[in-house]
PDB file of N, CA and C in Angstrom:
ATOM      1  N   MET A   1       5.126  -7.672  -3.323  1.00  0.00           N
ATOM      2  CA  MET A   1       4.011  -7.587  -2.150  1.00  0.00           C
ATOM      3  C   MET A   1       2.413  -7.540  -3.836  1.00  0.00           C
ATOM      4  N   GLU A   2       2.030  -9.072  -3.906  1.00  0.00           N
ATOM      5  CA  GLU A   2       1.285  -9.576  -4.821  1.00  0.00           C
ATOM      6  C   GLU A   2      -0.340  -9.069  -4.159  1.00  0.00           C
ATOM      7  N   TRP A   3      -1.254  -9.219  -4.343  1.00  0.00           N
ATOM      8  CA  TRP A   3      -2.888  -9.222  -4.056  1.00  0.00           C
ATOM      9  C   TRP A   3      -3.145  -9.896  -5.149  1.00  0.00           C
ATOM     10  N   PHE A   4      -3.699 -10.954  -4.571  1.00  0.00           N
ATOM     11  CA  PHE A   4      -5.208 -12.520  -5.276  1.00  0.00           C
ATOM     12  C   PHE A   4      -6.438 -11.756  -4.699  1.00  0.00           C
ATOM     13  N   GLY A   5      -7.733 -11.810  -5.633  1.00  0.00           N
ATOM     14  CA  GLY A   5      -8.963 -11.366  -5.552  1.00  0.00           C
ATOM     15  C   GLY A   5      -9.273 -13.325  -5.850  1.00  0.00           C
ATOM     16  N   HIS A   6     -10.653 -12.933  -6.528  1.00  0.00           N
ATOM     17  CA  HIS A   6     -11.333 -13.748  -6.422  1.00  0.00           C
ATOM     18  C   HIS A   6     -11.209 -15.347  -7.527  1.00  0.00           C
ATOM     19  N   ARG A   7     -11.264 -16.411  -6.695  1.00  0.00           N
ATOM     20  CA  ARG A   7     -10.386 -17.424  -7.020  1.00  0.00           C
ATOM     21  C   ARG A   7      -9.272 -17.628  -7.069  1.00  0.00           C
ATOM     22  N   ASN A   8      -8.753 -17.049  -6.453  1.00  0.00           N
ATOM     23  CA  ASN A   8      -6.961 -17.066  -5.897  1.00  0.00           C
ATOM     24  C   ASN A   8      -6.499 -16.267  -7.623  1.00  0.00           C
ATOM     25  N   MET A   9      -6.683 -15.570  -7.791  1.00  0.00           N
ATOM     26  CA  MET A   9      -6.704 -14.928  -9.694  1.00  0.00           C
ATOM     27  C   MET A   9      -5.900 -13.373  -9.505  1.00  0.00           C
ATOM     28  N   PRO A  10      -4.585 -13.135 -10.078  1.00  0.00           N
ATOM     29  CA  PRO A  10      -3.910 -11.824 -10.018  1.00  0.00           C
ATOM     30  C   PRO A  10      -5.143 -11.007 -10.202  1.00  0.00           C
ATOM     31  N   VAL A  11      -5.215  -9.801  -8.975  1.00  0.00           N
ATOM     32  CA  VAL A  11      -5.953  -8.663  -9.713  1.00  0.00           C
ATOM     33  C   VAL A  11      -5.299  -7.304 -10.285  1.00  0.00           C
ATOM     34  N   GLY A  12      -5.680  -6.810 -11.374  1.00  0.00           N
ATOM     35  CA  GLY A  12      -5.667  -6.215 -11.724  1.00  0.00           C
ATOM     36  C   GLY A  12      -5.884  -4.512 -10.931  1.00  0.00           C
ATOM     37  N   ILE A  13      -4.885  -2.971 -11.845  1.00  0.00           N
ATOM     38  CA  ILE A  13      -4.850  -2.419 -10.554  1.00  0.00           C
ATOM     39  C   ILE A  13      -4.869  -1.253 -11.689  1.00  0.00           C
ATOM     40  N   ALA A  14      -5.925  -0.741 -11.938  1.00  0.00           N
ATOM     41  CA  ALA A  14      -5.554   0.932 -12.547  1.00  0.00           C
ATOM     42  C   ALA A  14      -5.500   2.160 -11.442  1.00  0.00           C
ATOM     43  N   ILE A  15      -4.660   2.673 -12.003  1.00  0.00           N
ATOM     44  CA  ILE A  15      -4.705   4.294 -11.548  1.00  0.00           C
ATOM     45  C   ILE A  15      -4.797   5.908 -12.511  1.00  0.00           C
ATOM     46  N   LEU A  16      -4.887   5.916 -12.216  1.00  0.00           N
ATOM     47  CA  LEU A  16      -6.209   7.351 -12.374  1.00  0.00           C
ATOM     48  C   LEU A  16      -5.249   8.512 -11.638  1.00  0.00           C
ATOM     49  N   ASP A  17      -3.960   9.390 -12.406  1.00  0.00           N
ATOM     50  CA  ASP A  17      -3.229  10.387 -11.589  1.00  0.00           C
ATOM     51  C   ASP A  17      -2.996  11.056 -12.524  1.00  0.00           C
ATOM     52  N   THR A  18      -1.815  12.144 -12.003  1.00  0.00           N
ATOM     53  CA  THR A  18      -0.879  12.375 -13.113  1.00  0.00           C
ATOM     54  C   THR A  18      -0.147  11.981 -13.521  1.00  0.00           C
ATOM     55  N   GLY A  19      -0.069  10.966 -13.721  1.00  0.00           N
ATOM     56  CA  GLY A  19       0.749   9.795 -13.964  1.00  0.00           C
ATOM     57  C   GLY A  19       1.690   8.613 -13.558  1.00  0.00           C
ATOM     58  N   VAL A  20       2.446   8.432 -13.973  1.00  0.00           N
ATOM     59  CA  VAL A  20       3.593   7.606 -13.066  1.00  0.00           C
ATOM     60  C   VAL A  20       4.785   7.049 -14.147  1.00  0.00           C
ATOM     61  N   ALA A  21       5.857   7.122 -13.059  1.00  0.00           N
ATOM     62  CA  ALA A  21       6.942   7.408 -14.666  1.00  0.00           C
ATOM     63  C   ALA A  21       7.601   6.127 -14.329  1.00  0.00           C
ATOM     64  N   GLN A  22       8.790   5.700 -15.391  1.00  0.00           N
ATOM     65  CA  GLN A  22       8.730   4.017 -15.159  1.00  0.00           C
ATOM     66  C   GLN A  22      10.120   4.617 -13.780  1.00  0.00           C
ATOM     67  N   VAL A  23       9.881   3.875 -12.812  1.00  0.00           N
ATOM     68  CA  VAL A  23      11.504   3.438 -11.475  1.00  0.00           C
ATOM     69  C   VAL A  23      11.888   2.056 -11.389  1.00  0.00           C
ATOM     70  N   ASP A  24      12.403   1.862 -11.228  1.00  0.00           N
ATOM     71  CA  ASP A  24      13.282   0.493 -10.824  1.00  0.00           C
ATOM     72  C   ASP A  24      12.174  -0.375 -10.517  1.00  0.00           C
ATOM     73  N   ASP A  25      10.917  -0.089  -9.176  1.00  0.00           N
ATOM     74  CA  ASP A  25       9.884  -1.416  -9.064  1.00  0.00           C
ATOM     75  C   ASP A  25       8.931  -1.408  -9.740  1.00  0.00           C
ATOM     76  N   LEU A  26       8.669  -0.307 -11.109  1.00  0.00           N
ATOM     77  CA  LEU A  26       7.715  -0.455 -11.431  1.00  0.00           C
ATOM     78  C   LEU A  26       8.217  -1.183 -13.355  1.00  0.00           C
ATOM     79  N   GLN A  27       9.611  -1.968 -13.222  1.00  0.00           N
ATOM     80  CA  GLN A  27      10.061  -1.918 -14.638  1.00  0.00           C
ATOM     81  C   GLN A  27       9.207  -3.017 -15.303  1.00  0.00           C
ATOM     82  N   GLY A  28       8.886  -3.125 -16.130  1.00  0.00           N
ATOM     83  CA  GLY A  28       8.207  -4.558 -16.562  1.00  0.00           C
ATOM     84  C   GLY A  28       6.472  -4.601 -15.931  1.00  0.00           C
ATOM     85  N   ARG A  29       6.124  -4.356 -15.507  1.00  0.00           N
ATOM     86  CA  ARG A  29       5.230  -3.922 -14.849  1.00  0.00           C
ATOM     87  C   ARG A  29       3.773  -2.811 -15.146  1.00  0.00           C
ATOM     88  N   ILE A  30       3.744  -2.088 -15.874  1.00  0.00           N
ATOM     89  CA  ILE A  30       3.507  -0.925 -16.369  1.00  0.00           C
ATOM     90  C   ILE A  30       2.498  -1.193 -18.089  1.00  0.00           C
ATOM     91  N   VAL A  31       1.201  -2.018 -18.091  1.00  0.00           N
ATOM     92  CA  VAL A  31       0.851  -2.533 -19.091  1.00  0.00           C
ATOM     93  C   VAL A  31       0.606  -1.559 -20.318  1.00  0.00           C
ATOM     94  N   ALA A  32       0.405  -0.685 -20.270  1.00  0.00           N
ATOM     95  CA  ALA A  32      -0.806   0.006 -20.947  1.00  0.00           C
ATOM     96  C   ALA A  32      -0.481   1.534 -20.254  1.00  0.00           C
ATOM     97  N   ALA A  33      -0.357   3.171 -20.641  1.00  0.00           N
ATOM     98  CA  ALA A  33      -1.038   3.976 -20.355  1.00  0.00           C
ATOM     99  C   ALA A  33      -1.141   5.318 -21.173  1.00  0.00           C
ATOM    100  N   VAL A  34      -2.627   5.913 -20.736  1.00  0.00           N
ATOM    101  CA  VAL A  34      -2.558   6.511 -21.632  1.00  0.00           C
ATOM    102  C   VAL A  34      -2.875   8.328 -20.822  1.00  0.00           C
ATOM    103  N   ASP A  35      -2.902   8.929 -22.116  1.00  0.00           N
ATOM    104  CA  ASP A  35      -2.756  10.621 -21.300  1.00  0.00           C
ATOM    105  C   ASP A  35      -3.659  11.619 -22.067  1.00  0.00           C
ATOM    106  N   PHE A  36      -4.675  11.134 -21.071  1.00  0.00           N
ATOM    107  CA  PHE A  36      -5.479  12.599 -21.423  1.00  0.00           C
ATOM    108  C   PHE A  36      -5.507  13.683 -21.950  1.00  0.00           C
ATOM    109  N   VAL A  37      -4.520  14.171 -21.531  1.00  0.00           N
ATOM    110  CA  VAL A  37      -4.738  15.791 -21.714  1.00  0.00           C
ATOM    111  C   VAL A  37      -3.305  15.862 -22.255  1.00  0.00           C
ATOM    112  N   ASN A  38      -2.653  15.336 -23.212  1.00  0.00           N
ATOM    113  CA  ASN A  38      -1.381  16.094 -24.194  1.00  0.00           C
ATOM    114  C   ASN A  38      -1.310  14.434 -24.682  1.00  0.00           C
ATOM    115  N   GLY A  39      -2.073  13.380 -25.277  1.00  0.00           N
ATOM    116  CA  GLY A  39      -2.324  12.844 -26.046  1.00  0.00           C
ATOM    117  C   GLY A  39      -0.955  11.530 -26.463  1.00  0.00           C
ATOM    118  N   ARG A  40      -0.398  11.426 -25.287  1.00  0.00           N
ATOM    119  CA  ARG A  40       1.076  10.683 -25.506  1.00  0.00           C
ATOM    120  C   ARG A  40       0.141   9.298 -25.075  1.00  0.00           C
ATOM    121  N   ASN A  41       1.161   7.908 -25.409  1.00  0.00           N
ATOM    122  CA  ASN A  41       0.522   6.906 -24.664  1.00  0.00           C
ATOM    123  C   ASN A  41       2.234   6.093 -24.716  1.00  0.00           C
ATOM    124  N   TYR A  42       2.754   6.251 -23.475  1.00  0.00           N
ATOM    125  CA  TYR A  42       3.599   6.003 -23.388  1.00  0.00           C
ATOM    126  C   TYR A  42       3.069   6.224 -21.271  1.00  0.00           C
ATOM    127  N   PRO A  43       4.420   6.001 -20.031  1.00  0.00           N
ATOM    128  CA  PRO A  43       3.937   5.919 -18.776  1.00  0.00           C
ATOM    129  C   PRO A  43       5.337   7.505 -18.893  1.00  0.00           C
ATOM    130  N   TYR A  44       4.651   8.084 -18.184  1.00  0.00           N
ATOM    131  CA  TYR A  44       5.358   9.188 -17.731  1.00  0.00           C
ATOM    132  C   TYR A  44       4.984  10.379 -16.364  1.00  0.00           C
ATOM    133  N   ASP A  45       4.743  11.251 -15.916  1.00  0.00           N
ATOM    134  CA  ASP A  45       4.532  11.911 -14.880  1.00  0.00           C
ATOM    135  C   ASP A  45       4.961  13.229 -14.648  1.00  0.00           C
ATOM    136  N   ASN A  46       4.510  14.374 -15.649  1.00  0.00           N
ATOM    137  CA  ASN A  46       5.168  15.873 -15.319  1.00  0.00           C
ATOM    138  C   ASN A  46       4.754  16.025 -14.238  1.00  0.00           C
ATOM    139  N   ASN A  47       3.997  15.818 -13.611  1.00  0.00           N
ATOM    140  CA  ASN A  47       4.089  16.528 -12.165  1.00  0.00           C
ATOM    141  C   ASN A  47       4.840  15.597 -10.399  1.00  0.00           C
ATOM    142  N   ALA A  48       5.055  15.266 -11.148  1.00  0.00           N
ATOM    143  CA  ALA A  48       5.695  14.007  -9.711  1.00  0.00           C
ATOM    144  C   ALA A  48       4.455  13.182  -9.003  1.00  0.00           C
ATOM    145  N   HIS A  49       3.402  13.618  -8.894  1.00  0.00           N
ATOM    146  CA  HIS A  49       2.538  12.912  -7.083  1.00  0.00           C
ATOM    147  C   HIS A  49       1.843  11.721  -7.918  1.00  0.00           C
ATOM    148  N   GLY A  50       1.505  10.989  -8.922  1.00  0.00           N
ATOM    149  CA  GLY A  50       1.268  10.039  -9.266  1.00  0.00           C
ATOM    150  C   GLY A  50       1.934   8.510  -9.126  1.00  0.00           C
ATOM    151  N   THR A  51       3.996   9.424  -9.532  1.00  0.00           N
ATOM    152  CA  THR A  51       4.957   8.818  -9.590  1.00  0.00           C
ATOM    153  C   THR A  51       4.942   8.414  -7.717  1.00  0.00           C
ATOM    154  N   GLN A  52       4.411   9.431  -6.903  1.00  0.00           N
ATOM    155  CA  GLN A  52       4.530   9.176  -6.081  1.00  0.00           C
ATOM    156  C   GLN A  52       3.532   9.068  -4.695  1.00  0.00           C
ATOM    157  N   VAL A  53       2.229   8.652  -5.009  1.00  0.00           N
ATOM    158  CA  VAL A  53       1.513   8.020  -4.821  1.00  0.00           C
ATOM    159  C   VAL A  53       0.768   6.264  -4.744  1.00  0.00           C
ATOM    160  N   ARG A  54       1.587   6.052  -5.814  1.00  0.00           N
ATOM    161  CA  ARG A  54       2.142   4.916  -6.407  1.00  0.00           C
ATOM    162  C   ARG A  54       3.163   3.832  -5.505  1.00  0.00           C
ATOM    163  N   SER A  55       4.120   4.979  -4.757  1.00  0.00           N
ATOM    164  CA  SER A  55       5.011   3.619  -4.797  1.00  0.00           C
ATOM    165  C   SER A  55       4.616   3.446  -2.459  1.00  0.00           C
ATOM    166  N   ARG A  56       5.530   2.496  -2.817  1.00  0.00           N
ATOM    167  CA  ARG A  56       5.213   1.459  -1.533  1.00  0.00           C
ATOM    168  C   ARG A  56       5.423   1.857  -0.405  1.00  0.00           C
TER     169      ARG A  56
END
């Protein structure tokens, strides 16, 4: 699924949650990750909630 917004340009989406794991359908699609609690700068999800919420 690809979403398009104003002038038919791709839409970027930000998810603020417990994190997101690098699962198969997200490989190469996560462009940035920020951990405001533990200070990590790579995608991970130690609670599995964010990964479950973003699933198709």
